[in-house]
């Protein structure tokens, strides 16, 4: 399996302009609201209020619902209102791509790319690609609810 094949992604049309959705994704303080894995607990105050290319930001996380930890991320892709992606020390990438369908609807694709990780077989061994399919679906549903609310 090549690096480009080590991606899990899902797409959902959301009834909101791309700029509205992107503003939410670029605000790390709001990531816990939309996280479908229930691992993101809160952003740490050490990062910027709005993300940009190269920005570093921290998150308080919880693994398996009970094990707290902290993670630092770096924005590695950033195209205003179109694409934002970040990674942490493991080098797998979380990416959001936005494509305007019309002025009021946006096609949002979220992906988890583990081919960029330091040792991709570990991700496969623990089953992250399959687990993240459901997490991504849940995140896109929450994103839809938050921007519609």
Foldseek 3Di string as FASTA:
>chain_A
DALVVQKAKDKDKAQAALQLLQQQVQAQQNQCQQFLVNFFDGWDPPWDRGDDAQTKTKTWTAPPNHRIDMWIKTWHDDDRSAKTWIDTPQQWIWMWGWDDPDRGMIMIMIMIGQSRGPDSVVCVVVPVSVVVNSRNVSSVVSSNVVSVD
